[in-house]
Every structure is written in structure tokens, then in C-alpha cells.
Amino acid sequence: MDNWLLILGMLAITFSIRYSLFAFPDLRFPPLVRQGLHYVPTAVLTAIVVPGMLLPDGEHWSVGPDNAYLLAGLATIAIAALTRHLLATIGGGLLVFFLLRWTLGQLPL
């Protein structure tokens, strides 16, 4: 029963936040808030990706040359900075990741 209450609570909060934008269409945010909201997607993506790069098994830190996730993530950042092309970034990052996994013996082929 506790799980259902938790799910219903999350549903109510999510719905009220999203509905408020439609209920109050004339609502205007101050410039400082609008400027801060500009960085939300980058912050959320970073919060999702970085733990996966630094904690590949979910429990122990791995910041060495044997961490294919970290090395491929750094290579992907470099590809994105150099090319500014989304498809090249995704393809290059995946290619580097799978080559590293194969080279390090973590991916049987």
C-alpha cells in the first residue's frame, strides 16, 4: 500500500507542476529565473551521465585506464566539442566505447 501512496503522490506533484503552466498562461518568470532555467537540461543530463561514467558497476569508483565508460565519455566530450554535430558525437562515442570494451577484454566478439 505504501508504494501506491508514493506513486499517487508523485503523480499529484508532477500533474500540478505541469498543469500550472496551462492554468496560468500569463505567468512570467523574472529574468534571473529564466536565465537559470536555461542551464537545467545540461545539469540534469550531467547528473544522469557522470555517475554512470565514474561508478560503472554502481558501487565502486573507477577512475583508471581500465574504465571504458569514463574513457569513452571523455572521447565523446572531445568529439562534441570539435565537431558540434550530434550524430557524429553519438556515433563516435559509441564506436570508441565498443572499441575500448573490446580492447580491454570486456566485450567478447
N, C-alpha and C. Protein backbone atom coordinates (compact mmCIF):
# COMPACT_ATOMS: atom_id res chain seq x y z
N MET A 1 0.82 -1.19 0.00
CA MET A 1 0.00 0.00 0.00
C MET A 1 0.86 1.26 0.00
N ASP A 2 2.02 1.19 0.67
CA ASP A 2 2.90 2.36 0.72
C ASP A 2 3.40 2.74 -0.68
N ASN A 3 3.66 1.74 -1.52
CA ASN A 3 4.11 2.02 -2.87
C ASN A 3 3.06 2.78 -3.67
N TRP A 4 1.79 2.39 -3.49
CA TRP A 4 0.72 3.07 -4.21
C TRP A 4 0.57 4.52 -3.75
N LEU A 5 0.73 4.74 -2.45
CA LEU A 5 0.66 6.12 -1.95
C LEU A 5 1.81 6.95 -2.51
N LEU A 6 2.98 6.35 -2.59
CA LEU A 6 4.13 7.05 -3.15
C LEU A 6 3.90 7.38 -4.63
N ILE A 7 3.39 6.42 -5.38
CA ILE A 7 3.11 6.64 -6.80
C ILE A 7 2.04 7.71 -6.98
N LEU A 8 0.98 7.66 -6.20
CA LEU A 8 -0.08 8.67 -6.30
C LEU A 8 0.43 10.06 -5.91
N GLY A 9 1.29 10.12 -4.90
CA GLY A 9 1.88 11.40 -4.51
C GLY A 9 2.74 11.98 -5.61
N MET A 10 3.57 11.16 -6.24
CA MET A 10 4.41 11.63 -7.34
C MET A 10 3.54 12.07 -8.52
N LEU A 11 2.45 11.34 -8.77
CA LEU A 11 1.54 11.71 -9.84
C LEU A 11 0.91 13.08 -9.57
N ALA A 12 0.47 13.29 -8.35
CA ALA A 12 -0.17 14.56 -8.00
C ALA A 12 0.81 15.73 -8.13
N ILE A 13 2.03 15.55 -7.67
CA ILE A 13 3.02 16.62 -7.74
C ILE A 13 3.38 16.91 -9.20
N THR A 14 3.64 15.87 -9.98
CA THR A 14 4.00 16.06 -11.38
C THR A 14 2.86 16.72 -12.16
N PHE A 15 1.64 16.26 -11.92
CA PHE A 15 0.50 16.83 -12.63
C PHE A 15 0.30 18.30 -12.25
N SER A 16 0.41 18.61 -10.97
CA SER A 16 0.18 20.00 -10.55
C SER A 16 1.24 20.93 -11.10
N ILE A 17 2.48 20.49 -11.18
CA ILE A 17 3.54 21.33 -11.74
C ILE A 17 3.30 21.56 -13.23
N ARG A 18 2.97 20.53 -13.95
CA ARG A 18 2.76 20.68 -15.40
C ARG A 18 1.46 21.42 -15.71
N TYR A 19 0.42 21.18 -14.93
CA TYR A 19 -0.85 21.83 -15.18
C TYR A 19 -0.79 23.32 -14.86
N SER A 20 0.04 23.70 -13.91
CA SER A 20 0.11 25.11 -13.52
C SER A 20 0.53 26.00 -14.68
N LEU A 21 1.33 25.49 -15.59
CA LEU A 21 1.74 26.29 -16.75
C LEU A 21 0.57 26.55 -17.69
N PHE A 22 -0.39 25.62 -17.75
CA PHE A 22 -1.58 25.83 -18.57
C PHE A 22 -2.64 26.64 -17.82
N ALA A 23 -2.72 26.47 -16.52
CA ALA A 23 -3.73 27.17 -15.73
C ALA A 23 -3.43 28.66 -15.62
N PHE A 24 -2.16 29.02 -15.65
CA PHE A 24 -1.76 30.42 -15.53
C PHE A 24 -0.91 30.81 -16.75
N PRO A 25 -1.53 31.00 -17.90
CA PRO A 25 -0.75 31.26 -19.13
C PRO A 25 -0.05 32.62 -19.12
N ASP A 26 -0.51 33.55 -18.30
CA ASP A 26 0.11 34.87 -18.26
C ASP A 26 1.25 34.95 -17.24
N LEU A 27 1.60 33.83 -16.65
CA LEU A 27 2.67 33.81 -15.66
C LEU A 27 4.01 34.09 -16.33
N ARG A 28 4.74 35.05 -15.83
CA ARG A 28 6.05 35.42 -16.37
C ARG A 28 7.09 35.27 -15.27
N PHE A 29 8.19 34.65 -15.63
CA PHE A 29 9.28 34.47 -14.67
C PHE A 29 10.22 35.68 -14.72
N PRO A 30 10.83 35.99 -13.59
CA PRO A 30 11.83 37.07 -13.60
C PRO A 30 13.02 36.67 -14.47
N PRO A 31 13.78 37.64 -14.96
CA PRO A 31 14.92 37.33 -15.84
C PRO A 31 15.94 36.39 -15.20
N LEU A 32 16.17 36.52 -13.91
CA LEU A 32 17.14 35.65 -13.24
C LEU A 32 16.68 34.19 -13.27
N VAL A 33 15.39 33.96 -13.06
CA VAL A 33 14.85 32.59 -13.11
C VAL A 33 14.93 32.04 -14.53
N ARG A 34 14.57 32.85 -15.52
CA ARG A 34 14.67 32.41 -16.91
C ARG A 34 16.10 32.08 -17.29
N GLN A 35 17.04 32.85 -16.80
CA GLN A 35 18.45 32.59 -17.09
C GLN A 35 18.88 31.29 -16.43
N GLY A 36 18.42 31.03 -15.22
CA GLY A 36 18.76 29.79 -14.53
C GLY A 36 18.14 28.57 -15.19
N LEU A 37 16.91 28.72 -15.69
CA LEU A 37 16.25 27.60 -16.37
C LEU A 37 16.95 27.19 -17.65
N HIS A 38 17.73 28.09 -18.20
CA HIS A 38 18.49 27.78 -19.41
C HIS A 38 19.49 26.65 -19.17
N TYR A 39 19.99 26.52 -17.94
CA TYR A 39 21.02 25.53 -17.62
C TYR A 39 20.45 24.21 -17.08
N VAL A 40 19.15 24.11 -16.91
CA VAL A 40 18.56 22.91 -16.33
C VAL A 40 18.81 21.66 -17.17
N PRO A 41 18.60 21.66 -18.50
CA PRO A 41 18.85 20.43 -19.26
C PRO A 41 20.29 19.93 -19.15
N THR A 42 21.25 20.86 -19.18
CA THR A 42 22.66 20.46 -19.06
C THR A 42 22.93 19.86 -17.69
N ALA A 43 22.38 20.46 -16.66
CA ALA A 43 22.60 19.96 -15.30
C ALA A 43 21.97 18.59 -15.10
N VAL A 44 20.78 18.39 -15.63
CA VAL A 44 20.10 17.10 -15.48
C VAL A 44 20.84 16.01 -16.24
N LEU A 45 21.26 16.30 -17.47
CA LEU A 45 22.00 15.32 -18.26
C LEU A 45 23.32 14.95 -17.58
N THR A 46 23.99 15.95 -17.03
CA THR A 46 25.24 15.70 -16.32
C THR A 46 25.00 14.83 -15.09
N ALA A 47 23.93 15.11 -14.36
CA ALA A 47 23.62 14.32 -13.16
C ALA A 47 23.27 12.87 -13.49
N ILE A 48 22.79 12.63 -14.70
CA ILE A 48 22.47 11.26 -15.10
C ILE A 48 23.70 10.53 -15.63
N VAL A 49 24.54 11.21 -16.41
CA VAL A 49 25.62 10.55 -17.12
C VAL A 49 26.87 10.36 -16.26
N VAL A 50 27.27 11.35 -15.50
CA VAL A 50 28.54 11.29 -14.76
C VAL A 50 28.60 10.14 -13.76
N PRO A 51 27.56 9.86 -12.97
CA PRO A 51 27.67 8.68 -12.09
C PRO A 51 27.87 7.38 -12.86
N GLY A 52 27.28 7.26 -14.04
CA GLY A 52 27.49 6.06 -14.84
C GLY A 52 28.91 5.94 -15.35
N MET A 53 29.56 7.08 -15.58
CA MET A 53 30.95 7.06 -16.04
C MET A 53 31.91 6.75 -14.90
N LEU A 54 31.65 7.29 -13.73
CA LEU A 54 32.58 7.13 -12.61
C LEU A 54 32.30 5.91 -11.75
N LEU A 55 31.07 5.43 -11.76
CA LEU A 55 30.69 4.25 -10.99
C LEU A 55 30.07 3.22 -11.94
N PRO A 56 30.86 2.61 -12.82
CA PRO A 56 30.27 1.72 -13.83
C PRO A 56 29.57 0.49 -13.26
N ASP A 57 30.02 0.00 -12.12
CA ASP A 57 29.35 -1.15 -11.52
C ASP A 57 28.30 -0.73 -10.50
N GLY A 58 28.19 0.57 -10.24
CA GLY A 58 27.18 1.08 -9.33
C GLY A 58 27.60 1.13 -7.89
N GLU A 59 28.78 0.61 -7.56
CA GLU A 59 29.19 0.56 -6.17
C GLU A 59 30.57 1.16 -5.92
N HIS A 60 31.51 0.93 -6.80
CA HIS A 60 32.90 1.34 -6.56
C HIS A 60 33.35 2.35 -7.60
N TRP A 61 34.12 3.33 -7.13
CA TRP A 61 34.69 4.34 -8.02
C TRP A 61 35.69 3.67 -8.94
N SER A 62 35.70 4.07 -10.21
CA SER A 62 36.66 3.56 -11.16
C SER A 62 37.14 4.72 -12.02
N VAL A 63 38.33 5.24 -11.68
CA VAL A 63 38.87 6.40 -12.39
C VAL A 63 40.22 6.03 -12.97
N GLY A 64 40.30 4.85 -13.59
CA GLY A 64 41.56 4.40 -14.15
C GLY A 64 41.46 4.14 -15.64
N PRO A 65 42.57 3.70 -16.22
CA PRO A 65 42.60 3.45 -17.66
C PRO A 65 41.82 2.19 -18.07
N ASP A 66 41.30 1.44 -17.11
CA ASP A 66 40.52 0.25 -17.43
C ASP A 66 39.02 0.52 -17.44
N ASN A 67 38.62 1.77 -17.23
CA ASN A 67 37.21 2.14 -17.22
C ASN A 67 36.81 2.64 -18.61
N ALA A 68 36.20 1.75 -19.40
CA ALA A 68 35.81 2.10 -20.76
C ALA A 68 34.72 3.16 -20.78
N TYR A 69 33.87 3.18 -19.77
CA TYR A 69 32.81 4.18 -19.69
C TYR A 69 33.39 5.59 -19.56
N LEU A 70 34.36 5.74 -18.69
CA LEU A 70 34.98 7.05 -18.47
C LEU A 70 35.77 7.50 -19.70
N LEU A 71 36.57 6.61 -20.25
CA LEU A 71 37.37 6.98 -21.42
C LEU A 71 36.50 7.31 -22.62
N ALA A 72 35.46 6.52 -22.84
CA ALA A 72 34.56 6.80 -23.97
C ALA A 72 33.78 8.09 -23.72
N GLY A 73 33.42 8.36 -22.48
CA GLY A 73 32.73 9.61 -22.16
C GLY A 73 33.60 10.81 -22.43
N LEU A 74 34.86 10.74 -22.06
CA LEU A 74 35.79 11.84 -22.33
C LEU A 74 36.02 12.01 -23.83
N ALA A 75 36.12 10.89 -24.55
CA ALA A 75 36.27 10.97 -26.00
C ALA A 75 35.03 11.57 -26.65
N THR A 76 33.87 11.24 -26.12
CA THR A 76 32.61 11.78 -26.65
C THR A 76 32.53 13.29 -26.42
N ILE A 77 32.98 13.74 -25.27
CA ILE A 77 33.01 15.17 -24.98
C ILE A 77 33.94 15.87 -25.98
N ALA A 78 35.09 15.26 -26.25
CA ALA A 78 36.03 15.85 -27.22
C ALA A 78 35.43 15.89 -28.62
N ILE A 79 34.76 14.80 -29.02
CA ILE A 79 34.13 14.77 -30.34
C ILE A 79 33.06 15.85 -30.45
N ALA A 80 32.26 16.00 -29.39
CA ALA A 80 31.20 17.01 -29.40
C ALA A 80 31.79 18.42 -29.48
N ALA A 81 32.88 18.66 -28.77
CA ALA A 81 33.50 19.99 -28.78
C ALA A 81 34.13 20.30 -30.14
N LEU A 82 34.69 19.30 -30.78
CA LEU A 82 35.35 19.53 -32.06
C LEU A 82 34.39 19.62 -33.23
N THR A 83 33.38 18.74 -33.26
CA THR A 83 32.51 18.68 -34.43
C THR A 83 31.23 19.49 -34.30
N ARG A 84 30.70 19.62 -33.09
CA ARG A 84 29.41 20.29 -32.87
C ARG A 84 28.31 19.64 -33.71
N HIS A 85 28.41 18.32 -33.91
CA HIS A 85 27.47 17.57 -34.73
C HIS A 85 26.93 16.42 -33.89
N LEU A 86 25.61 16.38 -33.68
CA LEU A 86 25.01 15.41 -32.77
C LEU A 86 25.23 13.97 -33.23
N LEU A 87 25.00 13.69 -34.50
CA LEU A 87 25.14 12.33 -34.99
C LEU A 87 26.60 11.86 -34.92
N ALA A 88 27.53 12.74 -35.24
CA ALA A 88 28.96 12.38 -35.13
C ALA A 88 29.33 12.11 -33.68
N THR A 89 28.76 12.89 -32.77
CA THR A 89 29.06 12.70 -31.35
C THR A 89 28.54 11.35 -30.86
N ILE A 90 27.30 11.03 -31.20
CA ILE A 90 26.72 9.76 -30.76
C ILE A 90 27.45 8.58 -31.40
N GLY A 91 27.63 8.63 -32.71
CA GLY A 91 28.32 7.53 -33.40
C GLY A 91 29.76 7.37 -32.96
N GLY A 92 30.48 8.48 -32.86
CA GLY A 92 31.88 8.41 -32.42
C GLY A 92 32.01 7.90 -31.00
N GLY A 93 31.13 8.37 -30.11
CA GLY A 93 31.16 7.91 -28.72
C GLY A 93 30.89 6.42 -28.61
N LEU A 94 29.89 5.94 -29.35
CA LEU A 94 29.60 4.50 -29.32
C LEU A 94 30.74 3.68 -29.91
N LEU A 95 31.31 4.17 -31.00
CA LEU A 95 32.43 3.46 -31.62
C LEU A 95 33.62 3.37 -30.66
N VAL A 96 33.96 4.48 -30.05
CA VAL A 96 35.07 4.47 -29.08
C VAL A 96 34.76 3.55 -27.91
N PHE A 97 33.51 3.60 -27.40
CA PHE A 97 33.13 2.76 -26.28
C PHE A 97 33.28 1.28 -26.60
N PHE A 98 32.74 0.85 -27.74
CA PHE A 98 32.81 -0.57 -28.08
C PHE A 98 34.24 -1.00 -28.42
N LEU A 99 35.01 -0.13 -29.05
CA LEU A 99 36.42 -0.47 -29.30
C LEU A 99 37.20 -0.60 -27.99
N LEU A 100 36.93 0.27 -27.04
CA LEU A 100 37.60 0.17 -25.74
C LEU A 100 37.18 -1.10 -25.01
N ARG A 101 35.89 -1.40 -25.03
CA ARG A 101 35.43 -2.62 -24.36
C ARG A 101 36.07 -3.85 -24.99
N TRP A 102 36.20 -3.86 -26.31
CA TRP A 102 36.80 -5.00 -26.99
C TRP A 102 38.29 -5.07 -26.71
N THR A 103 38.97 -3.90 -26.72
CA THR A 103 40.41 -3.85 -26.46
C THR A 103 40.72 -4.26 -25.03
N LEU A 104 39.90 -3.84 -24.08
CA LEU A 104 40.15 -4.17 -22.68
C LEU A 104 39.68 -5.56 -22.30
N GLY A 105 39.11 -6.28 -23.25
CA GLY A 105 38.67 -7.64 -22.98
C GLY A 105 37.37 -7.71 -22.22
N GLN A 106 36.59 -6.65 -22.21
CA GLN A 106 35.32 -6.63 -21.50
C GLN A 106 34.15 -6.96 -22.40
N LEU A 107 34.42 -7.08 -23.71
CA LEU A 107 33.35 -7.33 -24.67
C LEU A 107 33.77 -8.50 -25.56
N PRO A 108 33.18 -9.67 -25.38
CA PRO A 108 33.56 -10.81 -26.24
C PRO A 108 32.98 -10.64 -27.64
N LEU A 109 33.84 -10.80 -28.63
CA LEU A 109 33.39 -10.75 -30.04
C LEU A 109 33.75 -12.02 -30.74
